[in-house]
């Protein structure tokens, strides 16, 4: 115990939230950092690979160059297999991850971590946190950042959103080079996606999780419905729970929860990368200022917005509202205006949705 190594900050988890937080701490001249990860950083995660512009803006702050792994992408929206609208470059809506998964983004963050000579230990099978003595395993800390993701909490939630994705060979499907496509159907309490490039296609969806839910079976059905044969045994398939609303307690003395560990994911769009990056940045700033309460204070409006989004989700994913909304989207450009706002604002405030609508009408 007496010989344990001490760190200013220990970070649990080496996903987008954990590594980007370490890089922001380094930016603020905090170098005595240890990142502990249960697995390796470069594993396929259920993620469409589409990033919003606001995420890329934060990545630039830690010198992650978007052009190295992203290209601009237009998005085609469908409702019940009927084409609705294409959101093009004028909307500045989304960027497509060239690798079509989280691995290329995670790898670039990891390479930057190594370049900055920050310490990371991977494949740590057992992570034991002793809050009373500020200890993680054999290490001690001044501050602890918990960025281990949502799976640790999922079993405690009454309602859970599940995401599943298959990564398949695009050459088997005559769908190479298609635009990222977003599908909403009455059978899903979420949305589906198909994203392709020259070598690979990802097919996935999110839905409200239910007991005895045949997740892989429904993925196969969804893929077949859109012309893709998914092989459960051989294709790379990943699934993960997604937060429905933020956690009530995101700080605990000298401990800060960030990203999905804090439940910071948009329950409507299921966008999590932006909130991982944003909370990582705010958490690092709070530690730099030696004020954990600052983290809670700055995130307060974001949390209020996500709670409102959780309320809107119950209304949005109904057959009546879906039909009405996408019928309006075909005839008007309000959804385009909203997506543009969502993509570009520091954070999209669902509490101001009526203000945005008024702004749209005035324009």
Protein backbone atom coordinates (compact mmCIF):
# COMPACT_ATOMS: atom_id res chain seq x y z
CA UNK A 1 0.00 0.00 0.00
CA UNK A 2 2.76 2.45 0.92
CA UNK A 3 4.48 1.89 -2.44
CA UNK A 4 1.37 2.51 -4.55
CA UNK A 5 1.77 5.02 -7.33
CA UNK A 6 -0.17 8.26 -7.02
CA UNK A 7 -1.85 10.15 -9.88
CA UNK A 8 -3.50 13.52 -10.09
CA UNK A 9 -6.26 11.92 -12.20
CA UNK A 10 -7.20 8.31 -12.85
CA UNK A 11 -9.58 7.70 -15.74
CA UNK A 12 -11.60 4.49 -15.96
CA UNK A 13 -12.40 3.58 -19.58
CA UNK A 14 -10.59 4.21 -22.85
CA UNK A 15 -13.47 5.01 -25.16
CA UNK A 16 -14.16 8.41 -26.71
CA UNK A 17 -15.05 9.95 -23.34
CA UNK A 18 -12.10 8.57 -21.39
CA UNK A 19 -9.32 9.24 -23.87
CA UNK A 20 -10.61 12.66 -24.94
CA UNK A 21 -10.80 13.67 -21.26
CA UNK A 22 -7.15 12.65 -20.82
CA UNK A 23 -6.21 14.73 -23.87
CA UNK A 24 -8.10 17.76 -22.57
CA UNK A 25 -6.35 17.39 -19.19
CA UNK A 26 -3.04 17.32 -21.03
CA UNK A 27 -4.08 20.44 -22.91
CA UNK A 28 -4.63 22.11 -19.52
CA UNK A 29 -1.08 21.06 -18.48
CA UNK A 30 -2.14 18.19 -16.24
CA UNK A 31 0.22 15.33 -17.06
CA UNK A 32 0.04 13.00 -14.07
CA UNK A 33 -2.76 10.86 -15.52
CA UNK A 34 -3.46 7.13 -15.66
CA UNK A 35 -6.08 5.57 -17.95
CA UNK A 36 -7.29 2.10 -16.97
CA UNK A 37 -9.30 0.06 -19.45
CA UNK A 38 -11.05 -3.26 -18.95
CA UNK A 39 -10.60 -4.26 -22.61
CA UNK A 40 -8.57 -2.91 -25.51
CA UNK A 41 -9.56 0.42 -27.03
CA UNK A 42 -9.95 -0.84 -30.61
CA UNK A 43 -13.01 -3.07 -30.55
CA UNK A 44 -16.04 -2.85 -32.80
CA UNK A 45 -18.90 -1.07 -31.04
CA UNK A 46 -22.51 -0.71 -32.16
CA UNK A 47 -22.24 2.73 -33.76
CA UNK A 48 -23.35 4.00 -37.17
CA UNK A 49 -20.08 5.87 -37.68
CA UNK A 50 -21.89 9.15 -38.44
CA UNK A 51 -20.61 12.21 -36.60
CA UNK A 52 -22.16 15.65 -36.31
CA UNK A 53 -20.17 18.78 -37.07
CA UNK A 54 -20.27 19.87 -33.43
CA UNK A 55 -18.45 16.65 -32.45
CA UNK A 56 -15.74 17.35 -34.99
CA UNK A 57 -15.36 20.90 -33.66
CA UNK A 58 -14.54 19.54 -30.19
CA UNK A 59 -12.14 16.96 -31.63
CA UNK A 60 -10.23 19.78 -33.34
CA UNK A 61 -9.62 21.31 -29.90
CA UNK A 62 -7.50 18.29 -28.96
CA UNK A 63 -5.80 18.26 -32.37
CA UNK A 64 -7.72 15.34 -33.84
CA UNK A 65 -8.02 16.26 -37.52
CA UNK A 66 -11.39 15.21 -38.94
CA UNK A 67 -10.08 14.93 -42.51
CA UNK A 68 -7.87 12.02 -41.44
CA UNK A 69 -10.84 9.74 -40.86
CA UNK A 70 -14.02 11.50 -41.97
CA UNK A 71 -15.65 12.66 -45.16
CA UNK A 72 -18.75 14.75 -45.53
CA UNK A 73 -21.86 12.65 -46.05
CA UNK A 74 -25.39 13.39 -47.14
CA UNK A 75 -28.14 11.46 -45.38
CA UNK A 76 -31.25 9.93 -46.93
CA UNK A 77 -34.24 9.62 -44.60
CA UNK A 78 -36.96 6.98 -45.03
CA UNK A 79 -40.17 6.33 -43.15
CA UNK A 80 -41.67 2.84 -43.51
CA UNK A 81 -39.43 2.29 -46.54
CA UNK A 82 -40.77 5.41 -48.27
CA UNK A 83 -38.19 8.02 -49.20
CA UNK A 84 -38.74 11.28 -47.30
CA UNK A 85 -35.86 13.69 -47.89
CA UNK A 86 -32.13 13.97 -48.49
CA UNK A 87 -30.16 16.19 -46.13
CA UNK A 88 -27.30 17.51 -48.24
CA UNK A 89 -24.16 19.60 -47.82
CA UNK A 90 -26.13 22.80 -47.33
CA UNK A 91 -27.50 21.34 -44.10
CA UNK A 92 -24.03 20.56 -42.66
CA UNK A 93 -25.70 17.64 -40.93
CA UNK A 94 -23.30 14.73 -40.73
CA UNK A 95 -19.87 13.35 -41.46
CA UNK A 96 -19.21 9.74 -42.30
CA UNK A 97 -16.50 7.85 -40.51
CA UNK A 98 -14.45 6.19 -43.29
CA UNK A 99 -14.09 3.01 -41.24
CA UNK A 100 -17.85 2.93 -40.67
CA UNK A 101 -17.33 2.07 -37.03
CA UNK A 102 -15.87 3.48 -33.86
CA UNK A 103 -12.53 1.73 -34.27
CA UNK A 104 -10.95 4.31 -36.59
CA UNK A 105 -11.97 7.16 -34.26
CA UNK A 106 -10.85 5.29 -31.14
CA UNK A 107 -7.54 4.42 -32.79
CA UNK A 108 -6.81 8.03 -33.63
CA UNK A 109 -7.59 9.12 -30.08
CA UNK A 110 -5.38 6.32 -28.73
CA UNK A 111 -2.50 7.29 -31.03
CA UNK A 112 -2.78 10.88 -29.81
CA UNK A 113 -2.73 9.65 -26.21
CA UNK A 114 0.53 7.78 -26.86
CA UNK A 115 1.97 10.76 -28.73
CA UNK A 116 1.27 12.91 -25.67
CA UNK A 117 3.09 10.30 -23.53
CA UNK A 118 0.13 9.69 -21.27
CA UNK A 119 -0.03 6.41 -19.37
CA UNK A 120 -2.61 3.76 -20.18
CA UNK A 121 -3.04 0.18 -18.98
CA UNK A 122 -5.41 -2.04 -20.95
CA UNK A 123 -6.96 -5.46 -20.32
CA UNK A 124 -7.40 -4.78 -16.61
CA UNK A 125 -9.81 -7.58 -15.77
CA UNK A 126 -10.78 -6.38 -12.30
CA UNK A 127 -11.11 -2.70 -11.48
CA UNK A 128 -11.78 -2.12 -7.78
CA UNK A 129 -12.62 1.41 -6.63
CA UNK A 130 -12.09 2.34 -2.97
CA UNK A 131 -13.72 5.78 -2.70
CA UNK A 132 -12.92 6.18 0.98
CA UNK A 133 -9.16 5.91 0.41
CA UNK A 134 -9.07 7.44 -3.11
CA UNK A 135 -7.75 4.20 -4.52
CA UNK A 136 -8.23 2.16 -7.68
CA UNK A 137 -6.57 -1.24 -7.40
CA UNK A 138 -2.97 -0.46 -6.33
CA UNK A 139 -3.11 3.20 -7.45
CA UNK A 140 -4.24 6.34 -5.60
CA UNK A 141 -5.70 9.53 -7.03
CA UNK A 142 -6.75 13.11 -6.34
CA UNK A 143 -9.58 12.90 -8.89
CA UNK A 144 -11.34 9.96 -10.49
CA UNK A 145 -13.04 10.16 -13.90
CA UNK A 146 -15.46 7.29 -14.56
CA UNK A 147 -15.95 6.80 -18.30
CA UNK A 148 -16.68 3.07 -18.39
CA UNK A 149 -19.85 3.33 -20.46
CA UNK A 150 -23.45 2.49 -19.79
CA UNK A 151 -23.48 -1.31 -19.60
CA UNK A 152 -22.64 -1.28 -15.90
CA UNK A 153 -25.89 0.56 -15.17
CA UNK A 154 -28.26 -0.93 -17.73
CA UNK A 155 -29.63 -3.67 -15.48
CA UNK A 156 -30.80 -1.07 -12.95
CA UNK A 157 -33.04 0.74 -15.43
CA UNK A 158 -36.71 -0.15 -15.96
CA UNK A 159 -36.58 1.03 -19.56
CA UNK A 160 -33.60 0.40 -21.80
CA UNK A 161 -32.78 1.29 -25.37
CA UNK A 162 -30.77 -1.34 -27.20
CA UNK A 163 -28.61 -0.80 -30.26
CA UNK A 164 -27.35 -3.59 -32.51
CA UNK A 165 -25.20 -3.46 -35.63
CA UNK A 166 -23.77 -5.91 -38.16
CA UNK A 167 -20.62 -5.08 -40.09
CA UNK A 168 -20.72 -6.95 -43.41
CA UNK A 169 -18.90 -7.13 -46.74
CA UNK A 170 -20.52 -4.55 -49.03
CA UNK A 171 -19.33 -6.38 -52.14
CA UNK A 172 -21.90 -9.08 -51.46
CA UNK A 173 -24.76 -6.58 -51.79
CA UNK A 174 -24.71 -4.23 -54.80
CA UNK A 175 -25.09 -1.31 -52.37
CA UNK A 176 -21.55 -0.02 -52.37
CA UNK A 177 -21.07 3.74 -52.08
CA UNK A 178 -24.66 4.45 -51.05
CA UNK A 179 -25.33 7.48 -48.90
CA UNK A 180 -25.87 6.92 -45.19
CA UNK A 181 -29.55 6.06 -44.87
CA UNK A 182 -31.69 6.51 -41.77
CA UNK A 183 -34.87 4.45 -41.48
CA UNK A 184 -37.79 4.99 -39.14
CA UNK A 185 -40.48 2.33 -39.02
CA UNK A 186 -43.59 1.81 -36.93
CA UNK A 187 -42.08 -1.42 -35.59
CA UNK A 188 -39.14 0.30 -33.93
CA UNK A 189 -39.09 2.62 -30.94
CA UNK A 190 -35.86 3.93 -32.40
CA UNK A 191 -34.37 4.08 -35.87
CA UNK A 192 -32.36 1.98 -38.27
CA UNK A 193 -29.32 2.82 -40.37
CA UNK A 194 -27.44 1.55 -43.38
CA UNK A 195 -24.05 3.07 -44.12
CA UNK A 196 -21.72 1.87 -46.89
CA UNK A 197 -18.38 2.65 -48.47
CA UNK A 198 -16.19 0.74 -50.92
CA UNK A 199 -15.40 -2.16 -48.63
CA UNK A 200 -17.95 -2.48 -45.88
CA UNK A 201 -21.57 -1.87 -44.93
CA UNK A 202 -22.98 -1.48 -41.45
CA UNK A 203 -26.63 -2.35 -40.86
CA UNK A 204 -28.15 -1.63 -37.49
CA UNK A 205 -31.02 -0.27 -35.46
CA UNK A 206 -32.00 0.95 -32.02
CA UNK A 207 -35.19 -0.08 -30.24
CA UNK A 208 -36.81 -0.13 -26.83
CA UNK A 209 -35.56 -3.30 -25.17
CA UNK A 210 -38.10 -5.86 -24.00
CA UNK A 211 -37.77 -9.19 -22.20
CA UNK A 212 -37.29 -12.17 -24.53
CA UNK A 213 -36.49 -9.75 -27.35
CA UNK A 214 -35.00 -11.61 -30.34
CA UNK A 215 -32.37 -8.99 -31.05
CA UNK A 216 -30.33 -10.83 -33.66
CA UNK A 217 -33.45 -12.25 -35.31
CA UNK A 218 -34.87 -8.75 -35.71
CA UNK A 219 -31.55 -7.52 -37.08
CA UNK A 220 -31.65 -10.24 -39.74
CA UNK A 221 -35.23 -9.25 -40.62
CA UNK A 222 -34.30 -5.57 -40.80
CA UNK A 223 -31.33 -6.32 -43.05
CA UNK A 224 -33.33 -8.59 -45.35
CA UNK A 225 -36.05 -5.97 -45.62
CA UNK A 226 -33.45 -3.62 -47.09
CA UNK A 227 -31.63 -6.10 -49.30
CA UNK A 228 -28.86 -7.28 -46.97
CA UNK A 229 -28.34 -10.87 -45.88
CA UNK A 230 -26.82 -10.91 -42.40
CA UNK A 231 -25.01 -14.05 -41.29
CA UNK A 232 -25.35 -14.26 -37.49
CA UNK A 233 -22.51 -16.79 -37.17
CA UNK A 234 -19.93 -15.12 -39.39
CA UNK A 235 -20.64 -11.38 -39.59
CA UNK A 236 -19.23 -9.00 -36.98
CA UNK A 237 -22.24 -8.15 -34.79
CA UNK A 238 -22.20 -5.92 -31.73
CA UNK A 239 -24.94 -4.70 -29.37
CA UNK A 240 -25.07 -2.22 -26.50
CA UNK A 241 -27.54 -0.57 -24.17
CA UNK A 242 -28.12 3.16 -24.62
CA UNK A 243 -29.14 5.56 -21.80
CA UNK A 244 -32.74 6.75 -21.70
CA UNK A 245 -31.99 9.74 -19.48
CA UNK A 246 -29.04 11.25 -17.52
CA UNK A 247 -28.03 9.82 -14.17
CA UNK A 248 -29.19 11.73 -11.11
CA UNK A 249 -25.74 11.74 -9.53
CA UNK A 250 -22.90 12.71 -11.89
CA UNK A 251 -20.41 13.82 -9.22
CA UNK A 252 -19.40 12.33 -5.88
CA UNK A 253 -16.86 14.41 -3.93
CA UNK A 254 -13.77 14.04 -6.13
CA UNK A 255 -15.37 11.64 -8.66
CA UNK A 256 -16.85 12.73 -11.99
CA UNK A 257 -19.00 10.61 -14.30
CA UNK A 258 -18.74 11.45 -18.01
CA UNK A 259 -20.22 10.25 -21.29
CA UNK A 260 -22.59 7.30 -21.28
CA UNK A 261 -21.51 6.43 -17.72
CA UNK A 262 -23.35 9.60 -16.71
CA UNK A 263 -26.27 8.72 -19.00
CA UNK A 264 -25.35 11.56 -21.36
CA UNK A 265 -26.82 10.38 -24.64
CA UNK A 266 -29.61 11.95 -26.65
CA UNK A 267 -32.59 9.60 -26.14
CA UNK A 268 -34.22 10.81 -29.37
CA UNK A 269 -31.34 10.57 -31.85
CA UNK A 270 -29.20 8.26 -29.70
CA UNK A 271 -26.20 10.49 -30.42
CA UNK A 272 -23.61 9.80 -27.74
CA UNK A 273 -20.23 10.82 -29.15
CA UNK A 274 -20.87 14.56 -28.87
CA UNK A 275 -21.95 14.26 -25.23
CA UNK A 276 -18.94 12.07 -24.47
CA UNK A 277 -16.62 14.70 -25.93
CA UNK A 278 -18.43 17.64 -24.36
CA UNK A 279 -18.61 16.12 -20.86
CA UNK A 280 -14.94 15.06 -21.14
CA UNK A 281 -13.97 18.64 -21.91
CA UNK A 282 -16.09 20.13 -19.08
CA UNK A 283 -14.84 17.48 -16.63
CA UNK A 284 -11.22 18.28 -17.48
CA UNK A 285 -11.86 22.00 -17.02
CA UNK A 286 -13.45 21.39 -13.61
CA UNK A 287 -10.41 19.42 -12.46
CA UNK A 288 -8.08 22.11 -13.80
CA UNK A 289 -10.02 24.64 -11.70
CA UNK A 290 -10.11 22.26 -8.70
CA UNK A 291 -13.88 22.61 -8.60
CA UNK A 292 -15.91 19.44 -9.20
CA UNK A 293 -19.14 21.37 -8.63
CA UNK A 294 -18.31 23.41 -11.72
CA UNK A 295 -18.85 20.28 -13.80
CA UNK A 296 -22.37 19.84 -12.48
CA UNK A 297 -23.15 23.53 -12.89
CA UNK A 298 -22.00 23.74 -16.52
CA UNK A 299 -23.82 20.54 -17.48
CA UNK A 300 -27.07 21.54 -15.78
CA UNK A 301 -28.72 22.98 -18.94
CA UNK A 302 -27.52 20.01 -21.00
CA UNK A 303 -29.04 17.57 -18.51
CA UNK A 304 -32.32 19.51 -18.51
CA UNK A 305 -32.37 19.35 -22.30
CA UNK A 306 -31.74 15.59 -22.36
CA UNK A 307 -34.50 15.02 -19.81
CA UNK A 308 -36.86 16.97 -22.05
CA UNK A 309 -35.71 14.84 -24.99
CA UNK A 310 -36.56 11.75 -22.96
CA UNK A 311 -40.09 13.12 -22.56
CA UNK A 312 -40.35 13.95 -26.27
CA UNK A 313 -39.14 10.45 -27.12
CA UNK A 314 -42.35 8.96 -25.70
CA UNK A 315 -44.35 11.13 -28.11
CA UNK A 316 -42.02 11.02 -31.10
CA UNK A 317 -41.86 7.24 -31.49
CA UNK A 318 -45.59 6.74 -31.98
CA UNK A 319 -47.23 5.76 -35.26
CA UNK A 320 -49.40 8.89 -35.37
CA UNK A 321 -46.61 11.40 -34.74
CA UNK A 322 -44.16 9.60 -37.03
CA UNK A 323 -46.61 9.65 -39.91
CA UNK A 324 -47.46 13.31 -39.37
CA UNK A 325 -43.85 14.42 -38.93
CA UNK A 326 -42.42 12.75 -42.02
CA UNK A 327 -45.38 13.87 -44.11
CA UNK A 328 -44.52 17.43 -43.06
CA UNK A 329 -40.83 16.78 -43.75
CA UNK A 330 -41.65 15.89 -47.37
CA UNK A 331 -43.41 19.19 -47.91
CA UNK A 332 -41.51 21.60 -45.67
CA UNK A 333 -37.93 22.19 -44.59
CA UNK A 334 -38.42 22.53 -40.85
CA UNK A 335 -36.74 19.19 -40.16
CA UNK A 336 -33.79 20.35 -42.29
CA UNK A 337 -33.62 23.53 -40.22
CA UNK A 338 -33.74 21.52 -36.97
CA UNK A 339 -31.02 19.09 -38.11
CA UNK A 340 -28.82 22.00 -39.11
CA UNK A 341 -29.31 23.53 -35.66
CA UNK A 342 -28.69 20.18 -34.00
CA UNK A 343 -25.47 19.66 -35.93
CA UNK A 344 -23.97 23.10 -35.39
CA UNK A 345 -24.99 24.41 -31.97
CA UNK A 346 -22.72 23.77 -28.99
CA UNK A 347 -25.63 21.75 -27.73
CA UNK A 348 -29.19 21.50 -29.02
CA UNK A 349 -31.61 22.57 -26.30
CA UNK A 350 -34.88 20.63 -26.50
CA UNK A 351 -36.37 23.12 -24.05
CA UNK A 352 -36.11 25.71 -26.84
CA UNK A 353 -37.76 23.67 -29.61
CA UNK A 354 -40.67 26.13 -29.90
CA UNK A 355 -38.21 29.03 -30.04
CA UNK A 356 -36.40 27.27 -32.91
CA UNK A 357 -39.72 26.80 -34.70
CA UNK A 358 -40.48 30.51 -34.32
CA UNK A 359 -37.03 31.34 -35.68
CA UNK A 360 -37.69 29.04 -38.67
CA UNK A 361 -41.01 30.73 -39.43
CA UNK A 362 -39.44 34.19 -39.20
CA UNK A 363 -36.77 33.17 -41.71
